[in-house]
Amino acid sequence: MDDLFAALETSEPARQDLADGAVLLRRRAVPCESDLLEGVRLVSSQSPFRNMVTPGGFSMSVAMTNCGDAGWVTDRRGYRYQGNDPETDKSWPAMPSVFRQLAEEAAAEAGYNGFSPDACLINRYEPGARMSLHQDKDEKDFKNPIVSVSLGLAATFQFGGLKRTNPVAKYVLQHGDVVVWGGPSRLFYHGILTLKDGDHPRTGHVRYNLTFRRAF
């Protein structure tokens, strides 16, 4: 199976336009994978992963934590960003420098110069977890792009349009792939199909997703 993944990775172009304003950068994060995974470990040791609850009372299948000046949270009161971790009542861990550098460089490569994230939502997917179609719209200013980094198990990324009913394209995201979207596609619906079982040499039975935003 690993040989199949390697073949898929090498057969894909290094850069792929997904829509107006949206770019997939294949394996862009691989050179700094070790530092990124160490960053995930450090952040989660201070603010542990947890399965948050939606305003409707449903527990999310994806476990989450945050780092940076702001963190995205959901509970019965709604979706929002806040400066402290509600479980520890402390500030979110500082964003590792390697996180910020990758996000800024990937954004610039996609045409978004000057992007400086103040929040990084870290998602941990285990087999069976999924993320339904949604828009990232809790940020203050939609002029800034979203930068999404995949680490570990491969996942199928869904990318639609401005309406939930718009056609949805599917892309298999491999370890190290980075997706950047903004401008005309900033509010496009997107999601992750149910993660299949597997084993990755760097993360085991897990996929991590680092999502960088400018929250405030």
C-alpha atoms as a PDB file:
ATOM      1  CA  MET A   1       0.000   0.000   0.000  1.00  0.00           C
ATOM      2  CA  ASP A   2       2.851   2.395   0.766  1.00  0.00           C
ATOM      3  CA  ASP A   3       4.221   1.744  -2.737  1.00  0.00           C
ATOM      4  CA  LEU A   4       0.831   2.694  -4.167  1.00  0.00           C
ATOM      5  CA  PHE A   5       0.797   5.946  -2.213  1.00  0.00           C
ATOM      6  CA  ALA A   6       4.311   6.746  -3.398  1.00  0.00           C
ATOM      7  CA  ALA A   7       3.275   6.158  -6.995  1.00  0.00           C
ATOM      8  CA  LEU A   8       0.275   8.430  -6.592  1.00  0.00           C
ATOM      9  CA  GLU A   9       2.407  11.156  -5.051  1.00  0.00           C
ATOM     10  CA  THR A  10       5.018  11.137  -7.815  1.00  0.00           C
ATOM     11  CA  SER A  11       2.430  11.044 -10.622  1.00  0.00           C
ATOM     12  CA  GLU A  12       0.650  14.195  -9.462  1.00  0.00           C
ATOM     13  CA  PRO A  13       1.818  17.667 -10.559  1.00  0.00           C
ATOM     14  CA  ALA A  14       3.564  19.666  -7.842  1.00  0.00           C
ATOM     15  CA  ARG A  15       0.996  22.457  -8.170  1.00  0.00           C
ATOM     16  CA  GLN A  16      -2.650  22.066  -9.080  1.00  0.00           C
ATOM     17  CA  ASP A  17      -5.268  24.801  -9.414  1.00  0.00           C
ATOM     18  CA  LEU A  18      -8.515  23.669  -7.776  1.00  0.00           C
ATOM     19  CA  ALA A  19     -10.594  26.781  -8.448  1.00  0.00           C
ATOM     20  CA  ASP A  20     -10.163  30.520  -8.866  1.00  0.00           C
ATOM     21  CA  GLY A  21      -8.044  31.413  -5.832  1.00  0.00           C
ATOM     22  CA  ALA A  22      -7.485  27.842  -4.666  1.00  0.00           C
ATOM     23  CA  VAL A  23      -4.212  25.903  -5.090  1.00  0.00           C
ATOM     24  CA  LEU A  24      -2.978  22.450  -4.076  1.00  0.00           C
ATOM     25  CA  LEU A  25       0.778  22.262  -3.417  1.00  0.00           C
ATOM     26  CA  ARG A  26       1.760  18.593  -3.459  1.00  0.00           C
ATOM     27  CA  ARG A  27       4.237  17.457  -0.761  1.00  0.00           C
ATOM     28  CA  ARG A  28       5.072  21.074   0.075  1.00  0.00           C
ATOM     29  CA  ALA A  29       5.372  20.297   3.798  1.00  0.00           C
ATOM     30  CA  VAL A  30       7.516  17.157   3.491  1.00  0.00           C
ATOM     31  CA  PRO A  31      10.886  18.935   3.982  1.00  0.00           C
ATOM     32  CA  CYS A  32       9.824  20.105   7.449  1.00  0.00           C
ATOM     33  CA  GLU A  33       7.642  17.113   8.412  1.00  0.00           C
ATOM     34  CA  SER A  34       9.679  16.176  11.488  1.00  0.00           C
ATOM     35  CA  ASP A  35       9.551  19.695  12.923  1.00  0.00           C
ATOM     36  CA  LEU A  36       5.828  19.950  12.191  1.00  0.00           C
ATOM     37  CA  LEU A  37       5.061  16.678  13.961  1.00  0.00           C
ATOM     38  CA  GLU A  38       7.197  17.698  16.920  1.00  0.00           C
ATOM     39  CA  GLY A  39       5.221  20.942  17.021  1.00  0.00           C
ATOM     40  CA  VAL A  40       1.972  18.987  17.118  1.00  0.00           C
ATOM     41  CA  ARG A  41       3.335  16.940  20.018  1.00  0.00           C
ATOM     42  CA  LEU A  42       4.393  20.016  21.979  1.00  0.00           C
ATOM     43  CA  VAL A  43       1.116  21.869  21.420  1.00  0.00           C
ATOM     44  CA  SER A  44      -1.023  18.867  22.370  1.00  0.00           C
ATOM     45  CA  SER A  45       1.032  18.267  25.515  1.00  0.00           C
ATOM     46  CA  GLN A  46      -0.093  21.708  26.730  1.00  0.00           C
ATOM     47  CA  SER A  47      -3.607  21.794  25.261  1.00  0.00           C
ATOM     48  CA  PRO A  48      -4.687  18.168  24.757  1.00  0.00           C
ATOM     49  CA  PHE A  49      -6.778  17.008  21.829  1.00  0.00           C
ATOM     50  CA  ARG A  50     -10.498  16.829  22.574  1.00  0.00           C
ATOM     51  CA  ASN A  51     -13.714  15.995  20.719  1.00  0.00           C
ATOM     52  CA  MET A  52     -15.628  19.246  20.891  1.00  0.00           C
ATOM     53  CA  VAL A  53     -19.414  19.485  21.014  1.00  0.00           C
ATOM     54  CA  THR A  54     -21.422  21.349  18.375  1.00  0.00           C
ATOM     55  CA  PRO A  55     -24.147  23.860  19.295  1.00  0.00           C
ATOM     56  CA  GLY A  56     -26.640  21.112  18.482  1.00  0.00           C
ATOM     57  CA  GLY A  57     -25.117  18.839  21.111  1.00  0.00           C
ATOM     58  CA  PHE A  58     -23.258  16.422  18.835  1.00  0.00           C
ATOM     59  CA  SER A  59     -19.714  15.314  19.663  1.00  0.00           C
ATOM     60  CA  MET A  60     -17.375  15.811  16.711  1.00  0.00           C
ATOM     61  CA  SER A  61     -15.600  12.711  15.412  1.00  0.00           C
ATOM     62  CA  VAL A  62     -12.436  14.741  14.804  1.00  0.00           C
ATOM     63  CA  ALA A  63     -10.329  15.590  17.865  1.00  0.00           C
ATOM     64  CA  MET A  64      -9.005  19.155  17.979  1.00  0.00           C
ATOM     65  CA  THR A  65      -6.631  21.547  19.663  1.00  0.00           C
ATOM     66  CA  ASN A  66      -5.207  24.973  18.783  1.00  0.00           C
ATOM     67  CA  CYS A  67      -2.126  27.138  18.970  1.00  0.00           C
ATOM     68  CA  GLY A  68      -1.496  30.818  18.385  1.00  0.00           C
ATOM     69  CA  ASP A  69      -3.108  33.977  19.714  1.00  0.00           C
ATOM     70  CA  ALA A  70      -6.582  32.604  19.061  1.00  0.00           C
ATOM     71  CA  GLY A  71      -8.179  29.175  19.024  1.00  0.00           C
ATOM     72  CA  TRP A  72     -11.353  27.933  17.349  1.00  0.00           C
ATOM     73  CA  VAL A  73     -13.843  26.302  19.679  1.00  0.00           C
ATOM     74  CA  THR A  74     -17.381  24.985  19.550  1.00  0.00           C
ATOM     75  CA  ASP A  75     -19.812  24.182  22.333  1.00  0.00           C
ATOM     76  CA  ARG A  76     -23.482  24.719  23.151  1.00  0.00           C
ATOM     77  CA  ARG A  77     -22.923  28.486  22.942  1.00  0.00           C
ATOM     78  CA  GLY A  78     -21.809  28.337  19.321  1.00  0.00           C
ATOM     79  CA  TYR A  79     -18.743  28.512  17.070  1.00  0.00           C
ATOM     80  CA  ARG A  80     -16.132  31.153  17.868  1.00  0.00           C
ATOM     81  CA  TYR A  81     -12.490  32.087  18.400  1.00  0.00           C
ATOM     82  CA  GLN A  82     -11.144  32.853  21.849  1.00  0.00           C
ATOM     83  CA  GLY A  83      -7.737  33.554  23.334  1.00  0.00           C
ATOM     84  CA  ASN A  84      -7.764  30.894  26.028  1.00  0.00           C
ATOM     85  CA  ASP A  85      -8.268  27.147  26.100  1.00  0.00           C
ATOM     86  CA  PRO A  86     -11.606  26.503  27.841  1.00  0.00           C
ATOM     87  CA  GLU A  87     -10.314  23.190  29.220  1.00  0.00           C
ATOM     88  CA  THR A  88      -7.123  24.542  30.822  1.00  0.00           C
ATOM     89  CA  ASP A  89      -8.246  28.188  31.272  1.00  0.00           C
ATOM     90  CA  LYS A  90      -4.804  29.190  29.986  1.00  0.00           C
ATOM     91  CA  SER A  91      -3.720  30.871  26.772  1.00  0.00           C
ATOM     92  CA  TRP A  92      -3.375  28.557  23.817  1.00  0.00           C
ATOM     93  CA  PRO A  93       0.222  27.376  23.235  1.00  0.00           C
ATOM     94  CA  ALA A  94       2.368  29.674  21.126  1.00  0.00           C
ATOM     95  CA  MET A  95       2.431  28.857  17.434  1.00  0.00           C
ATOM     96  CA  PRO A  96       5.704  27.047  16.598  1.00  0.00           C
ATOM     97  CA  SER A  97       7.902  29.084  14.257  1.00  0.00           C
ATOM     98  CA  VAL A  98       7.992  26.253  11.703  1.00  0.00           C
ATOM     99  CA  PHE A  99       4.183  26.346  11.553  1.00  0.00           C
ATOM    100  CA  ARG A 100       4.101  30.064  10.860  1.00  0.00           C
ATOM    101  CA  GLN A 101       6.906  29.959   8.301  1.00  0.00           C
ATOM    102  CA  LEU A 102       5.284  27.173   6.307  1.00  0.00           C
ATOM    103  CA  ALA A 103       1.888  28.885   6.328  1.00  0.00           C
ATOM    104  CA  GLU A 104       3.299  32.227   5.206  1.00  0.00           C
ATOM    105  CA  GLU A 105       5.468  30.698   2.472  1.00  0.00           C
ATOM    106  CA  ALA A 106       2.706  28.449   1.125  1.00  0.00           C
ATOM    107  CA  ALA A 107       0.266  31.369   1.068  1.00  0.00           C
ATOM    108  CA  ALA A 108       2.764  33.487  -0.859  1.00  0.00           C
ATOM    109  CA  GLU A 109       3.341  30.682  -3.358  1.00  0.00           C
ATOM    110  CA  ALA A 110      -0.420  30.568  -3.923  1.00  0.00           C
ATOM    111  CA  GLY A 111      -0.519  34.323  -4.544  1.00  0.00           C
ATOM    112  CA  TYR A 112      -1.396  35.589  -1.073  1.00  0.00           C
ATOM    113  CA  ASN A 113       1.553  37.714  -0.024  1.00  0.00           C
ATOM    114  CA  GLY A 114       1.575  39.155   3.469  1.00  0.00           C
ATOM    115  CA  PHE A 115      -0.566  36.462   5.093  1.00  0.00           C
ATOM    116  CA  SER A 116       0.248  36.195   8.800  1.00  0.00           C
ATOM    117  CA  PRO A 117      -1.851  33.647  10.726  1.00  0.00           C
ATOM    118  CA  ASP A 118      -2.800  34.239  14.339  1.00  0.00           C
ATOM    119  CA  ALA A 119      -4.545  30.867  14.759  1.00  0.00           C
ATOM    120  CA  CYS A 120      -3.785  27.268  13.886  1.00  0.00           C
ATOM    121  CA  LEU A 121      -6.500  24.673  14.411  1.00  0.00           C
ATOM    122  CA  ILE A 122      -4.990  21.179  14.633  1.00  0.00           C
ATOM    123  CA  ASN A 123      -7.350  18.343  13.719  1.00  0.00           C
ATOM    124  CA  ARG A 124      -6.588  14.717  14.543  1.00  0.00           C
ATOM    125  CA  TYR A 125      -8.428  12.192  12.386  1.00  0.00           C
ATOM    126  CA  GLU A 126      -8.586   8.539  13.301  1.00  0.00           C
ATOM    127  CA  PRO A 127     -10.209   5.894  11.051  1.00  0.00           C
ATOM    128  CA  GLY A 128     -13.950   6.569  10.905  1.00  0.00           C
ATOM    129  CA  ALA A 129     -13.621  10.314  11.547  1.00  0.00           C
ATOM    130  CA  ARG A 130     -14.903  12.819   9.000  1.00  0.00           C
ATOM    131  CA  MET A 131     -15.582  16.505   8.512  1.00  0.00           C
ATOM    132  CA  SER A 132     -18.880  17.378   6.854  1.00  0.00           C
ATOM    133  CA  LEU A 133     -19.122  20.122   4.246  1.00  0.00           C
ATOM    134  CA  HIS A 134     -18.792  23.536   5.872  1.00  0.00           C
ATOM    135  CA  GLN A 135     -17.556  27.080   5.317  1.00  0.00           C
ATOM    136  CA  ASP A 136     -14.785  28.739   7.335  1.00  0.00           C
ATOM    137  CA  LYS A 137     -16.668  31.918   8.226  1.00  0.00           C
ATOM    138  CA  ASP A 138     -15.959  32.642  11.890  1.00  0.00           C
ATOM    139  CA  GLU A 139     -12.964  34.821  11.005  1.00  0.00           C
ATOM    140  CA  LYS A 140     -13.210  38.618  11.186  1.00  0.00           C
ATOM    141  CA  ASP A 141     -11.887  39.371   7.683  1.00  0.00           C
ATOM    142  CA  PHE A 142     -12.342  37.096   4.676  1.00  0.00           C
ATOM    143  CA  LYS A 143      -9.577  38.845   2.713  1.00  0.00           C
ATOM    144  CA  ASN A 144      -7.104  36.430   4.272  1.00  0.00           C
ATOM    145  CA  PRO A 145      -6.749  32.908   2.854  1.00  0.00           C
ATOM    146  CA  ILE A 146      -6.964  29.536   4.573  1.00  0.00           C
ATOM    147  CA  VAL A 147      -3.830  27.358   4.564  1.00  0.00           C
ATOM    148  CA  SER A 148      -4.403  23.649   5.241  1.00  0.00           C
ATOM    149  CA  VAL A 149      -1.559  21.150   5.780  1.00  0.00           C
ATOM    150  CA  SER A 150      -2.035  17.358   5.670  1.00  0.00           C
ATOM    151  CA  LEU A 151       0.202  14.992   7.653  1.00  0.00           C
ATOM    152  CA  GLY A 152      -0.106  11.222   7.930  1.00  0.00           C
ATOM    153  CA  LEU A 153      -2.808   9.041   6.444  1.00  0.00           C
ATOM    154  CA  ALA A 154      -4.241   9.984   3.069  1.00  0.00           C
ATOM    155  CA  ALA A 155      -7.701  11.577   3.062  1.00  0.00           C
ATOM    156  CA  THR A 156     -10.261  12.573   0.450  1.00  0.00           C
ATOM    157  CA  PHE A 157     -10.777  16.334   0.411  1.00  0.00           C
ATOM    158  CA  GLN A 158     -14.081  17.672  -0.874  1.00  0.00           C
ATOM    159  CA  PHE A 159     -14.104  21.145  -2.407  1.00  0.00           C
ATOM    160  CA  GLY A 160     -17.372  22.629  -3.604  1.00  0.00           C
ATOM    161  CA  GLY A 161     -18.672  26.147  -4.148  1.00  0.00           C
ATOM    162  CA  LEU A 162     -20.418  29.019  -2.403  1.00  0.00           C
ATOM    163  CA  LYS A 163     -23.565  26.944  -1.869  1.00  0.00           C
ATOM    164  CA  ARG A 164     -23.790  23.608  -0.116  1.00  0.00           C
ATOM    165  CA  THR A 165     -25.650  22.268  -3.147  1.00  0.00           C
ATOM    166  CA  ASN A 166     -22.894  23.165  -5.629  1.00  0.00           C
ATOM    167  CA  PRO A 167     -21.035  20.260  -7.289  1.00  0.00           C
ATOM    168  CA  VAL A 168     -18.178  18.923  -5.191  1.00  0.00           C
ATOM    169  CA  ALA A 169     -14.757  17.900  -6.536  1.00  0.00           C
ATOM    170  CA  LYS A 170     -12.707  15.292  -4.675  1.00  0.00           C
ATOM    171  CA  TYR A 171      -8.943  15.223  -4.229  1.00  0.00           C
ATOM    172  CA  VAL A 172      -6.833  12.647  -2.398  1.00  0.00           C
ATOM    173  CA  LEU A 173      -4.522  14.508  -0.030  1.00  0.00           C
ATOM    174  CA  GLN A 174      -1.279  12.755   0.841  1.00  0.00           C
ATOM    175  CA  HIS A 175       1.247  13.340   3.612  1.00  0.00           C
ATOM    176  CA  GLY A 176       2.784  16.789   3.169  1.00  0.00           C
ATOM    177  CA  ASP A 177       0.181  18.223   0.795  1.00  0.00           C
ATOM    178  CA  VAL A 178      -0.862  21.835   1.368  1.00  0.00           C
ATOM    179  CA  VAL A 179      -4.103  23.414   0.136  1.00  0.00           C
ATOM    180  CA  VAL A 180      -4.496  27.194   0.048  1.00  0.00           C
ATOM    181  CA  TRP A 181      -7.753  28.902  -0.809  1.00  0.00           C
ATOM    182  CA  GLY A 182      -8.902  32.509  -0.665  1.00  0.00           C
ATOM    183  CA  GLY A 183     -10.224  35.334  -2.810  1.00  0.00           C
ATOM    184  CA  PRO A 184     -13.177  34.105  -4.903  1.00  0.00           C
ATOM    185  CA  SER A 185     -13.038  30.653  -3.285  1.00  0.00           C
ATOM    186  CA  ARG A 186     -12.506  31.812   0.313  1.00  0.00           C
ATOM    187  CA  LEU A 187     -16.011  30.792   1.408  1.00  0.00           C
ATOM    188  CA  PHE A 188     -16.280  27.609  -0.648  1.00  0.00           C
ATOM    189  CA  TYR A 189     -17.770  24.621   1.131  1.00  0.00           C
ATOM    190  CA  HIS A 190     -15.226  21.909   1.896  1.00  0.00           C
ATOM    191  CA  GLY A 191     -14.851  18.780   3.992  1.00  0.00           C
ATOM    192  CA  ILE A 192     -13.146  15.419   4.479  1.00  0.00           C
ATOM    193  CA  LEU A 193     -14.743  12.062   3.711  1.00  0.00           C
ATOM    194  CA  THR A 194     -14.625   9.328   6.345  1.00  0.00           C
ATOM    195  CA  LEU A 195     -10.975   8.435   6.969  1.00  0.00           C
ATOM    196  CA  LYS A 196     -10.103   4.887   5.973  1.00  0.00           C
ATOM    197  CA  ASP A 197      -8.002   2.606   8.123  1.00  0.00           C
ATOM    198  CA  GLY A 198      -4.300   2.535   7.375  1.00  0.00           C
ATOM    199  CA  ASP A 199      -0.806   2.906   8.774  1.00  0.00           C
ATOM    200  CA  HIS A 200       1.551   5.762   7.974  1.00  0.00           C
ATOM    201  CA  PRO A 201       5.269   5.496   8.815  1.00  0.00           C
ATOM    202  CA  ARG A 202       5.293   8.942  10.489  1.00  0.00           C
ATOM    203  CA  THR A 203       1.916   9.066  12.251  1.00  0.00           C
ATOM    204  CA  GLY A 204       0.614   5.492  12.504  1.00  0.00           C
ATOM    205  CA  HIS A 205      -3.189   5.224  12.285  1.00  0.00           C
ATOM    206  CA  VAL A 206      -3.698   8.977  12.350  1.00  0.00           C
ATOM    207  CA  ARG A 207      -4.032  11.968  10.035  1.00  0.00           C
ATOM    208  CA  TYR A 208      -3.235  15.444  11.301  1.00  0.00           C
ATOM    209  CA  ASN A 209      -4.518  18.578   9.620  1.00  0.00           C
ATOM    210  CA  LEU A 210      -3.049  21.990  10.440  1.00  0.00           C
ATOM    211  CA  THR A 211      -5.404  24.770   9.386  1.00  0.00           C
ATOM    212  CA  PHE A 212      -4.014  28.312   9.523  1.00  0.00           C
ATOM    213  CA  ARG A 213      -6.298  31.311   9.682  1.00  0.00           C
ATOM    214  CA  ARG A 214      -6.283  35.012  10.466  1.00  0.00           C
ATOM    215  CA  ALA A 215      -9.014  35.056  13.112  1.00  0.00           C
ATOM    216  CA  PHE A 216      -8.936  38.655  14.325  1.00  0.00           C
END
